[in-house]
Amino acid sequence: MQEIPFDTETNVVNEVYGVVYAPRSSRKRFPENCVIIKDSAENAVASGDLENHLLPAKLLGPSRSSEGLMLYYLVEWLPQN
């Protein structure tokens, strides 16, 4: 999969923290309906729920796919407490 370029000069795509519904943690991109944006890494970690497949993550996005979906790309999974 091609990586999405990150342009620090614009606000089109940003690094954000969130909770991702991810039954498989091997995926690297997620549609916006699977992502809940949080205002900090701490809030993302606190909102994580491993039992329900809600994993805290640092993400890059949103970015429009060729199919017209808004996607977030995984930067890194955040450690669960």
C-alpha atoms as a PDB file:
ATOM      1  CA  MET A   1       0.000   0.000   0.000  1.00  0.00           C
ATOM      2  CA  GLN A   2       1.272   3.446  -0.898  1.00  0.00           C
ATOM      3  CA  GLU A   3       1.843   5.758   2.063  1.00  0.00           C
ATOM      4  CA  ILE A   4      -0.037   9.035   2.168  1.00  0.00           C
ATOM      5  CA  PRO A   5       2.298  12.054   2.004  1.00  0.00           C
ATOM      6  CA  PHE A   6       2.289  14.376   5.002  1.00  0.00           C
ATOM      7  CA  ASP A   7       2.596  18.086   4.198  1.00  0.00           C
ATOM      8  CA  THR A   8       3.464  20.220   7.220  1.00  0.00           C
ATOM      9  CA  GLU A   9       2.694  23.415   5.259  1.00  0.00           C
ATOM     10  CA  THR A  10      -1.068  22.752   5.007  1.00  0.00           C
ATOM     11  CA  ASN A  11      -3.922  21.612   7.247  1.00  0.00           C
ATOM     12  CA  VAL A  12      -5.468  19.238   4.706  1.00  0.00           C
ATOM     13  CA  VAL A  13      -4.254  16.063   6.445  1.00  0.00           C
ATOM     14  CA  ASN A  14      -3.264  16.048  10.113  1.00  0.00           C
ATOM     15  CA  GLU A  15      -1.945  13.692  12.749  1.00  0.00           C
ATOM     16  CA  VAL A  16      -4.740  13.038  15.228  1.00  0.00           C
ATOM     17  CA  TYR A  17      -5.427  10.735  18.157  1.00  0.00           C
ATOM     18  CA  GLY A  18      -8.426   8.505  18.203  1.00  0.00           C
ATOM     19  CA  VAL A  19     -10.045   5.204  18.983  1.00  0.00           C
ATOM     20  CA  VAL A  20     -10.378   2.802  16.072  1.00  0.00           C
ATOM     21  CA  TYR A  21     -12.844  -0.049  15.756  1.00  0.00           C
ATOM     22  CA  ALA A  22     -10.443  -2.722  14.506  1.00  0.00           C
ATOM     23  CA  PRO A  23     -11.288  -6.412  14.923  1.00  0.00           C
ATOM     24  CA  ARG A  24      -7.919  -7.092  13.247  1.00  0.00           C
ATOM     25  CA  SER A  25      -5.040  -4.865  14.311  1.00  0.00           C
ATOM     26  CA  SER A  26      -3.104  -5.710  11.136  1.00  0.00           C
ATOM     27  CA  ARG A  27      -5.005  -3.161   9.024  1.00  0.00           C
ATOM     28  CA  LYS A  28      -3.261   0.113   8.210  1.00  0.00           C
ATOM     29  CA  ARG A  29      -6.161   2.272   6.987  1.00  0.00           C
ATOM     30  CA  PHE A  30      -9.666   2.794   8.314  1.00  0.00           C
ATOM     31  CA  PRO A  31     -12.825   4.455   6.987  1.00  0.00           C
ATOM     32  CA  GLU A  32     -13.990   7.454   9.008  1.00  0.00           C
ATOM     33  CA  ASN A  33     -17.001   5.565  10.396  1.00  0.00           C
ATOM     34  CA  CYS A  34     -14.563   3.283  12.285  1.00  0.00           C
ATOM     35  CA  VAL A  35     -12.682   6.188  13.922  1.00  0.00           C
ATOM     36  CA  ILE A  36     -13.624   8.334  16.929  1.00  0.00           C
ATOM     37  CA  ILE A  37     -11.318  11.355  17.141  1.00  0.00           C
ATOM     38  CA  LYS A  38     -10.056  12.321  20.610  1.00  0.00           C
ATOM     39  CA  ASP A  39      -8.343  15.529  21.679  1.00  0.00           C
ATOM     40  CA  SER A  40      -5.239  13.853  23.161  1.00  0.00           C
ATOM     41  CA  ALA A  41      -3.319  10.604  23.341  1.00  0.00           C
ATOM     42  CA  GLU A  42      -4.358  10.242  26.979  1.00  0.00           C
ATOM     43  CA  ASN A  43      -8.065  10.475  26.093  1.00  0.00           C
ATOM     44  CA  ALA A  44      -7.615   7.984  23.270  1.00  0.00           C
ATOM     45  CA  VAL A  45      -5.934   5.493  25.613  1.00  0.00           C
ATOM     46  CA  ALA A  46      -8.595   6.044  28.285  1.00  0.00           C
ATOM     47  CA  SER A  47     -11.353   5.422  25.702  1.00  0.00           C
ATOM     48  CA  GLY A  48      -9.822   2.217  24.386  1.00  0.00           C
ATOM     49  CA  ASP A  49     -11.782  -1.001  24.962  1.00  0.00           C
ATOM     50  CA  LEU A  50      -9.890  -4.108  23.870  1.00  0.00           C
ATOM     51  CA  GLU A  51     -12.871  -6.389  24.518  1.00  0.00           C
ATOM     52  CA  ASN A  52     -14.956  -4.415  21.992  1.00  0.00           C
ATOM     53  CA  HIS A  53     -12.057  -3.990  19.508  1.00  0.00           C
ATOM     54  CA  LEU A  54     -11.733  -0.235  20.171  1.00  0.00           C
ATOM     55  CA  LEU A  55      -8.007   0.424  19.971  1.00  0.00           C
ATOM     56  CA  PRO A  56      -6.287   3.756  20.721  1.00  0.00           C
ATOM     57  CA  ALA A  57      -4.097   5.033  17.910  1.00  0.00           C
ATOM     58  CA  LYS A  58      -2.214   7.935  16.401  1.00  0.00           C
ATOM     59  CA  LEU A  59      -3.633   8.479  12.906  1.00  0.00           C
ATOM     60  CA  LEU A  60      -3.050  10.525   9.791  1.00  0.00           C
ATOM     61  CA  GLY A  61      -6.079  11.897   8.003  1.00  0.00           C
ATOM     62  CA  PRO A  62      -8.668  12.295   6.849  1.00  0.00           C
ATOM     63  CA  SER A  63      -7.809  11.643   3.223  1.00  0.00           C
ATOM     64  CA  ARG A  64     -10.222  10.916   0.388  1.00  0.00           C
ATOM     65  CA  SER A  65      -9.725   7.535  -1.285  1.00  0.00           C
ATOM     66  CA  SER A  66     -10.185   6.886  -4.996  1.00  0.00           C
ATOM     67  CA  GLU A  67     -13.557   5.337  -4.105  1.00  0.00           C
ATOM     68  CA  GLY A  68     -14.680   8.583  -2.436  1.00  0.00           C
ATOM     69  CA  LEU A  69     -14.359   7.359   1.168  1.00  0.00           C
ATOM     70  CA  MET A  70     -12.677   9.434   3.856  1.00  0.00           C
ATOM     71  CA  LEU A  71      -9.829   7.369   5.331  1.00  0.00           C
ATOM     72  CA  TYR A  72      -7.489   7.549   8.294  1.00  0.00           C
ATOM     73  CA  TYR A  73      -4.058   5.915   8.106  1.00  0.00           C
ATOM     74  CA  LEU A  74      -2.407   4.280  11.099  1.00  0.00           C
ATOM     75  CA  VAL A  75       0.743   6.020  12.341  1.00  0.00           C
ATOM     76  CA  GLU A  76       1.044   3.855  15.453  1.00  0.00           C
ATOM     77  CA  TRP A  77      -1.048   1.949  17.961  1.00  0.00           C
ATOM     78  CA  LEU A  78      -0.969   3.511  21.414  1.00  0.00           C
ATOM     79  CA  PRO A  79      -0.203   1.272  24.391  1.00  0.00           C
ATOM     80  CA  GLN A  80      -3.211   0.123  26.412  1.00  0.00           C
ATOM     81  CA  ASN A  81      -3.153   0.672  30.179  1.00  0.00           C
END
